[in-house]
C-alpha atoms as a PDB file:
ATOM      1  CA  UNK A   1      17.234 -23.313 -55.613  1.00  0.00           C
ATOM      2  CA  UNK A   2      20.665 -22.092 -54.725  1.00  0.00           C
ATOM      3  CA  UNK A   3      23.128 -19.826 -56.447  1.00  0.00           C
ATOM      4  CA  UNK A   4      26.795 -19.966 -55.573  1.00  0.00           C
ATOM      5  CA  UNK A   5      29.780 -17.971 -56.748  1.00  0.00           C
ATOM      6  CA  UNK A   6      32.797 -19.932 -57.960  1.00  0.00           C
ATOM      7  CA  UNK A   7      35.953 -18.861 -56.192  1.00  0.00           C
ATOM      8  CA  UNK A   8      38.400 -21.616 -57.013  1.00  0.00           C
ATOM      9  CA  UNK A   9      38.568 -25.208 -58.219  1.00  0.00           C
ATOM     10  CA  UNK A  10      38.597 -26.275 -54.591  1.00  0.00           C
ATOM     11  CA  UNK A  11      35.209 -24.688 -53.848  1.00  0.00           C
ATOM     12  CA  UNK A  12      33.036 -27.153 -51.997  1.00  0.00           C
ATOM     13  CA  UNK A  13      29.355 -27.037 -52.878  1.00  0.00           C
ATOM     14  CA  UNK A  14      28.728 -30.585 -51.737  1.00  0.00           C
ATOM     15  CA  UNK A  15      27.240 -29.682 -48.370  1.00  0.00           C
ATOM     16  CA  UNK A  16      24.345 -31.840 -47.370  1.00  0.00           C
ATOM     17  CA  UNK A  17      20.922 -30.513 -48.295  1.00  0.00           C
ATOM     18  CA  UNK A  18      19.026 -33.359 -46.701  1.00  0.00           C
ATOM     19  CA  UNK A  19      19.211 -36.348 -44.414  1.00  0.00           C
ATOM     20  CA  UNK A  20      22.027 -38.858 -44.376  1.00  0.00           C
ATOM     21  CA  UNK A  21      21.128 -42.494 -44.866  1.00  0.00           C
ATOM     22  CA  UNK A  22      22.652 -45.663 -43.398  1.00  0.00           C
ATOM     23  CA  UNK A  23      26.433 -45.859 -43.078  1.00  0.00           C
ATOM     24  CA  UNK A  24      26.703 -42.097 -43.670  1.00  0.00           C
ATOM     25  CA  UNK A  25      25.638 -42.384 -47.321  1.00  0.00           C
ATOM     26  CA  UNK A  26      23.953 -39.313 -48.744  1.00  0.00           C
ATOM     27  CA  UNK A  27      20.332 -39.691 -49.778  1.00  0.00           C
ATOM     28  CA  UNK A  28      18.674 -38.298 -52.910  1.00  0.00           C
ATOM     29  CA  UNK A  29      18.355 -34.879 -51.230  1.00  0.00           C
ATOM     30  CA  UNK A  30      22.120 -34.301 -51.496  1.00  0.00           C
ATOM     31  CA  UNK A  31      22.390 -35.045 -55.215  1.00  0.00           C
ATOM     32  CA  UNK A  32      22.001 -31.496 -56.563  1.00  0.00           C
ATOM     33  CA  UNK A  33      24.863 -30.293 -54.366  1.00  0.00           C
ATOM     34  CA  UNK A  34      27.123 -33.032 -55.769  1.00  0.00           C
ATOM     35  CA  UNK A  35      26.138 -32.052 -59.285  1.00  0.00           C
ATOM     36  CA  UNK A  36      26.927 -28.428 -58.445  1.00  0.00           C
ATOM     37  CA  UNK A  37      30.408 -29.492 -57.322  1.00  0.00           C
ATOM     38  CA  UNK A  38      30.869 -31.282 -60.657  1.00  0.00           C
ATOM     39  CA  UNK A  39      29.608 -28.311 -62.667  1.00  0.00           C
ATOM     40  CA  UNK A  40      31.966 -25.975 -60.781  1.00  0.00           C
ATOM     41  CA  UNK A  41      34.964 -28.278 -61.162  1.00  0.00           C
ATOM     42  CA  UNK A  42      34.362 -28.610 -64.901  1.00  0.00           C
ATOM     43  CA  UNK A  43      33.542 -24.947 -65.547  1.00  0.00           C
ATOM     44  CA  UNK A  44      36.879 -23.797 -64.137  1.00  0.00           C
ATOM     45  CA  UNK A  45      38.795 -26.422 -66.165  1.00  0.00           C
ATOM     46  CA  UNK A  46      38.563 -24.564 -69.466  1.00  0.00           C
ATOM     47  CA  UNK A  47      41.436 -26.677 -70.808  1.00  0.00           C
ATOM     48  CA  UNK A  48      39.027 -29.635 -70.936  1.00  0.00           C
ATOM     49  CA  UNK A  49      36.415 -27.993 -73.138  1.00  0.00           C
ATOM     50  CA  UNK A  50      37.340 -24.600 -74.605  1.00  0.00           C
ATOM     51  CA  UNK A  51      38.666 -26.169 -77.830  1.00  0.00           C
ATOM     52  CA  UNK A  52      35.276 -27.851 -78.356  1.00  0.00           C
ATOM     53  CA  UNK A  53      33.076 -24.753 -78.126  1.00  0.00           C
ATOM     54  CA  UNK A  54      31.224 -23.679 -81.246  1.00  0.00           C
ATOM     55  CA  UNK A  55      28.657 -20.933 -81.768  1.00  0.00           C
ATOM     56  CA  UNK A  56      25.646 -21.471 -84.027  1.00  0.00           C
ATOM     57  CA  UNK A  57      23.531 -18.619 -85.375  1.00  0.00           C
ATOM     58  CA  UNK A  58      20.396 -20.791 -85.612  1.00  0.00           C
ATOM     59  CA  UNK A  59      20.184 -21.909 -81.973  1.00  0.00           C
ATOM     60  CA  UNK A  60      22.244 -22.516 -78.880  1.00  0.00           C
ATOM     61  CA  UNK A  61      24.961 -25.122 -79.408  1.00  0.00           C
ATOM     62  CA  UNK A  62      25.099 -28.266 -77.255  1.00  0.00           C
ATOM     63  CA  UNK A  63      27.743 -30.943 -76.871  1.00  0.00           C
ATOM     64  CA  UNK A  64      27.589 -34.074 -74.691  1.00  0.00           C
ATOM     65  CA  UNK A  65      30.911 -34.535 -72.865  1.00  0.00           C
ATOM     66  CA  UNK A  66      31.955 -38.187 -72.337  1.00  0.00           C
ATOM     67  CA  UNK A  67      32.219 -38.667 -68.578  1.00  0.00           C
ATOM     68  CA  UNK A  68      35.031 -41.232 -68.970  1.00  0.00           C
ATOM     69  CA  UNK A  69      37.171 -38.518 -70.572  1.00  0.00           C
ATOM     70  CA  UNK A  70      36.510 -36.119 -67.695  1.00  0.00           C
ATOM     71  CA  UNK A  71      37.274 -38.431 -64.758  1.00  0.00           C
ATOM     72  CA  UNK A  72      41.109 -38.207 -64.918  1.00  0.00           C
ATOM     73  CA  UNK A  73      40.923 -34.406 -64.596  1.00  0.00           C
ATOM     74  CA  UNK A  74      38.666 -34.421 -61.536  1.00  0.00           C
ATOM     75  CA  UNK A  75      39.277 -35.024 -57.869  1.00  0.00           C
ATOM     76  CA  UNK A  76      38.544 -38.714 -57.107  1.00  0.00           C
ATOM     77  CA  UNK A  77      35.881 -37.654 -54.586  1.00  0.00           C
ATOM     78  CA  UNK A  78      33.757 -36.532 -57.567  1.00  0.00           C
ATOM     79  CA  UNK A  79      34.077 -39.820 -59.503  1.00  0.00           C
ATOM     80  CA  UNK A  80      31.015 -41.560 -57.981  1.00  0.00           C
ATOM     81  CA  UNK A  81      28.808 -38.576 -58.826  1.00  0.00           C
ATOM     82  CA  UNK A  82      30.320 -38.330 -62.315  1.00  0.00           C
ATOM     83  CA  UNK A  83      29.612 -42.014 -62.979  1.00  0.00           C
ATOM     84  CA  UNK A  84      25.881 -41.392 -62.457  1.00  0.00           C
ATOM     85  CA  UNK A  85      25.727 -38.100 -64.358  1.00  0.00           C
ATOM     86  CA  UNK A  86      25.435 -36.691 -67.825  1.00  0.00           C
ATOM     87  CA  UNK A  87      27.499 -33.586 -68.663  1.00  0.00           C
ATOM     88  CA  UNK A  88      26.605 -31.082 -71.378  1.00  0.00           C
ATOM     89  CA  UNK A  89      28.563 -28.100 -72.666  1.00  0.00           C
ATOM     90  CA  UNK A  90      26.403 -25.290 -74.108  1.00  0.00           C
ATOM     91  CA  UNK A  91      27.162 -22.050 -75.897  1.00  0.00           C
ATOM     92  CA  UNK A  92      24.739 -19.157 -76.194  1.00  0.00           C
ATOM     93  CA  UNK A  93      24.916 -16.245 -78.604  1.00  0.00           C
ATOM     94  CA  UNK A  94      23.040 -13.063 -77.620  1.00  0.00           C
ATOM     95  CA  UNK A  95      19.294 -13.671 -77.749  1.00  0.00           C
ATOM     96  CA  UNK A  96      19.537 -17.467 -77.649  1.00  0.00           C
ATOM     97  CA  UNK A  97      17.763 -19.387 -74.924  1.00  0.00           C
ATOM     98  CA  UNK A  98      15.574 -22.256 -73.884  1.00  0.00           C
ATOM     99  CA  UNK A  99      11.823 -22.445 -73.606  1.00  0.00           C
ATOM    100  CA  UNK A 100      10.377 -22.668 -70.102  1.00  0.00           C
ATOM    101  CA  UNK A 101      11.144 -26.314 -69.229  1.00  0.00           C
ATOM    102  CA  UNK A 102      11.974 -28.945 -66.626  1.00  0.00           C
ATOM    103  CA  UNK A 103      14.272 -31.969 -66.759  1.00  0.00           C
ATOM    104  CA  UNK A 104      11.730 -34.634 -65.840  1.00  0.00           C
ATOM    105  CA  UNK A 105      12.931 -36.768 -62.928  1.00  0.00           C
ATOM    106  CA  UNK A 106      16.550 -35.603 -63.238  1.00  0.00           C
ATOM    107  CA  UNK A 107      18.119 -33.195 -60.782  1.00  0.00           C
ATOM    108  CA  UNK A 108      20.996 -31.067 -61.927  1.00  0.00           C
ATOM    109  CA  UNK A 109      23.223 -28.035 -61.862  1.00  0.00           C
ATOM    110  CA  UNK A 110      24.715 -25.592 -64.299  1.00  0.00           C
ATOM    111  CA  UNK A 111      27.704 -23.296 -63.980  1.00  0.00           C
ATOM    112  CA  UNK A 112      28.254 -20.244 -66.143  1.00  0.00           C
ATOM    113  CA  UNK A 113      31.811 -20.455 -67.447  1.00  0.00           C
ATOM    114  CA  UNK A 114      31.840 -17.400 -69.758  1.00  0.00           C
ATOM    115  CA  UNK A 115      29.519 -14.455 -70.240  1.00  0.00           C
ATOM    116  CA  UNK A 116      26.208 -13.952 -68.432  1.00  0.00           C
ATOM    117  CA  UNK A 117      22.954 -15.903 -68.586  1.00  0.00           C
ATOM    118  CA  UNK A 118      19.556 -14.859 -67.279  1.00  0.00           C
ATOM    119  CA  UNK A 119      17.522 -17.520 -65.493  1.00  0.00           C
ATOM    120  CA  UNK A 120      13.763 -17.260 -64.999  1.00  0.00           C
ATOM    121  CA  UNK A 121      12.333 -19.696 -62.453  1.00  0.00           C
ATOM    122  CA  UNK A 122       8.612 -20.439 -62.257  1.00  0.00           C
ATOM    123  CA  UNK A 123       7.061 -22.323 -59.346  1.00  0.00           C
ATOM    124  CA  UNK A 124       3.395 -22.947 -58.788  1.00  0.00           C
ATOM    125  CA  UNK A 125       0.790 -25.381 -57.614  1.00  0.00           C
ATOM    126  CA  UNK A 126      -2.464 -26.244 -59.334  1.00  0.00           C
ATOM    127  CA  UNK A 127      -5.019 -23.498 -58.924  1.00  0.00           C
ATOM    128  CA  UNK A 128      -2.541 -20.898 -57.674  1.00  0.00           C
ATOM    129  CA  UNK A 129      -0.867 -18.100 -59.564  1.00  0.00           C
ATOM    130  CA  UNK A 130       2.731 -19.142 -60.216  1.00  0.00           C
ATOM    131  CA  UNK A 131       5.613 -17.361 -58.513  1.00  0.00           C
ATOM    132  CA  UNK A 132       8.297 -16.125 -60.908  1.00  0.00           C
ATOM    133  CA  UNK A 133      11.798 -14.849 -60.251  1.00  0.00           C
ATOM    134  CA  UNK A 134      14.630 -13.788 -62.543  1.00  0.00           C
ATOM    135  CA  UNK A 135      18.374 -13.573 -61.905  1.00  0.00           C
ATOM    136  CA  UNK A 136      21.387 -12.635 -64.009  1.00  0.00           C
ATOM    137  CA  UNK A 137      24.143 -15.222 -63.571  1.00  0.00           C
ATOM    138  CA  UNK A 138      27.587 -13.970 -64.555  1.00  0.00           C
ATOM    139  CA  UNK A 139      30.598 -16.186 -65.180  1.00  0.00           C
ATOM    140  CA  UNK A 140      31.466 -17.905 -61.930  1.00  0.00           C
ATOM    141  CA  UNK A 141      27.861 -18.515 -60.815  1.00  0.00           C
ATOM    142  CA  UNK A 142      26.290 -21.935 -60.357  1.00  0.00           C
ATOM    143  CA  UNK A 143      22.676 -23.046 -59.862  1.00  0.00           C
ATOM    144  CA  UNK A 144      21.551 -26.431 -58.623  1.00  0.00           C
ATOM    145  CA  UNK A 145      18.083 -27.900 -58.480  1.00  0.00           C
ATOM    146  CA  UNK A 146      15.998 -30.984 -57.907  1.00  0.00           C
ATOM    147  CA  UNK A 147      13.650 -32.867 -60.219  1.00  0.00           C
ATOM    148  CA  UNK A 148      10.751 -31.030 -61.886  1.00  0.00           C
ATOM    149  CA  UNK A 149      12.415 -27.624 -61.471  1.00  0.00           C
ATOM    150  CA  UNK A 150      10.892 -25.322 -64.085  1.00  0.00           C
ATOM    151  CA  UNK A 151      13.097 -22.617 -65.567  1.00  0.00           C
ATOM    152  CA  UNK A 152      14.133 -20.748 -68.684  1.00  0.00           C
ATOM    153  CA  UNK A 153      17.704 -19.734 -69.477  1.00  0.00           C
ATOM    154  CA  UNK A 154      18.505 -16.960 -71.979  1.00  0.00           C
ATOM    155  CA  UNK A 155      21.521 -14.922 -73.017  1.00  0.00           C
ATOM    156  CA  UNK A 156      19.972 -11.446 -72.744  1.00  0.00           C
ATOM    157  CA  UNK A 157      23.237  -9.512 -73.088  1.00  0.00           C
ATOM    158  CA  UNK A 158      25.552  -8.704 -76.001  1.00  0.00           C
ATOM    159  CA  UNK A 159      28.405 -11.182 -75.477  1.00  0.00           C
ATOM    160  CA  UNK A 160      28.446 -14.959 -76.108  1.00  0.00           C
ATOM    161  CA  UNK A 161      28.151 -17.224 -73.079  1.00  0.00           C
ATOM    162  CA  UNK A 162      29.255 -20.776 -72.247  1.00  0.00           C
ATOM    163  CA  UNK A 163      27.868 -23.014 -69.511  1.00  0.00           C
ATOM    164  CA  UNK A 164      28.429 -26.533 -68.149  1.00  0.00           C
ATOM    165  CA  UNK A 165      25.341 -28.592 -67.200  1.00  0.00           C
ATOM    166  CA  UNK A 166      25.271 -31.773 -65.108  1.00  0.00           C
ATOM    167  CA  UNK A 167      22.203 -34.037 -64.736  1.00  0.00           C
ATOM    168  CA  UNK A 168      21.571 -37.153 -62.686  1.00  0.00           C
ATOM    169  CA  UNK A 169      20.073 -39.480 -63.565  1.00  0.00           C
ATOM    170  CA  UNK A 170      20.803 -38.855 -67.231  1.00  0.00           C
ATOM    171  CA  UNK A 171      18.163 -36.827 -69.051  1.00  0.00           C
ATOM    172  CA  UNK A 172      15.418 -38.947 -70.564  1.00  0.00           C
ATOM    173  CA  UNK A 173      12.857 -36.211 -71.147  1.00  0.00           C
ATOM    174  CA  UNK A 174      12.224 -32.497 -70.888  1.00  0.00           C
ATOM    175  CA  UNK A 175       8.775 -30.950 -70.523  1.00  0.00           C
ATOM    176  CA  UNK A 176       8.045 -27.452 -71.819  1.00  0.00           C
ATOM    177  CA  UNK A 177       5.501 -25.141 -70.197  1.00  0.00           C
ATOM    178  CA  UNK A 178       3.533 -21.951 -70.523  1.00  0.00           C
ATOM    179  CA  UNK A 179       2.388 -19.788 -67.635  1.00  0.00           C
ATOM    180  CA  UNK A 180      -1.348 -19.310 -67.149  1.00  0.00           C
ATOM    181  CA  UNK A 181      -2.947 -17.263 -64.345  1.00  0.00           C
ATOM    182  CA  UNK A 182      -3.954 -20.516 -62.636  1.00  0.00           C
ATOM    183  CA  UNK A 183      -0.560 -22.187 -62.900  1.00  0.00           C
ATOM    184  CA  UNK A 184       1.909 -23.902 -65.178  1.00  0.00           C
ATOM    185  CA  UNK A 185       0.565 -25.747 -68.201  1.00  0.00           C
ATOM    186  CA  UNK A 186       2.669 -28.433 -69.875  1.00  0.00           C
ATOM    187  CA  UNK A 187       2.882 -27.731 -73.610  1.00  0.00           C
ATOM    188  CA  UNK A 188       5.051 -30.579 -74.878  1.00  0.00           C
ATOM    189  CA  UNK A 189       7.501 -33.324 -73.955  1.00  0.00           C
ATOM    190  CA  UNK A 190      10.818 -33.953 -75.692  1.00  0.00           C
ATOM    191  CA  UNK A 191      12.477 -37.360 -75.321  1.00  0.00           C
ATOM    192  CA  UNK A 192      16.127 -38.389 -75.431  1.00  0.00           C
ATOM    193  CA  UNK A 193      16.986 -40.327 -78.578  1.00  0.00           C
ATOM    194  CA  UNK A 194      14.000 -38.841 -80.376  1.00  0.00           C
ATOM    195  CA  UNK A 195      14.138 -35.057 -80.030  1.00  0.00           C
ATOM    196  CA  UNK A 196      17.823 -34.619 -79.146  1.00  0.00           C
END
């Protein structure tokens, strides 16, 4: 798990986090960093999404951004990553959040574009007490993660927040969890096309 501060649209978060395959091609281990670069590039381009943002009293608002519409606004070096990704725009009123969840086999990244979000990360192995950490992520912060990363994101403050989320491969399922003394327990599974 890595947190980065956005400083400009030119920020490079695409450093390698793993080995390089044949012909210099990045392997799966570099994917989250590429998704972080996408999330950063899109979060700072408020002109692409600010007119779309809505706030819903009932629950956080989500909107799938068509990747074909985003490509012309991005540096061409990000186009291959964008082609394999799914991009979501979310808004969060105070008190709104997610359950403790993962993204199945998808890796991803999210950048806070407005406001502040609190992320709780839970990691554990069977039979061991899970390790938990919490961090406040103000506008300009980005998190990236690999598959089966378990976290909860909540707007714990008094101002609305907006974030940009990038997943690759596209989300097909999300598992929700509860924390028991002996580890994480999966509570349910939501599937794309059925539950969202």
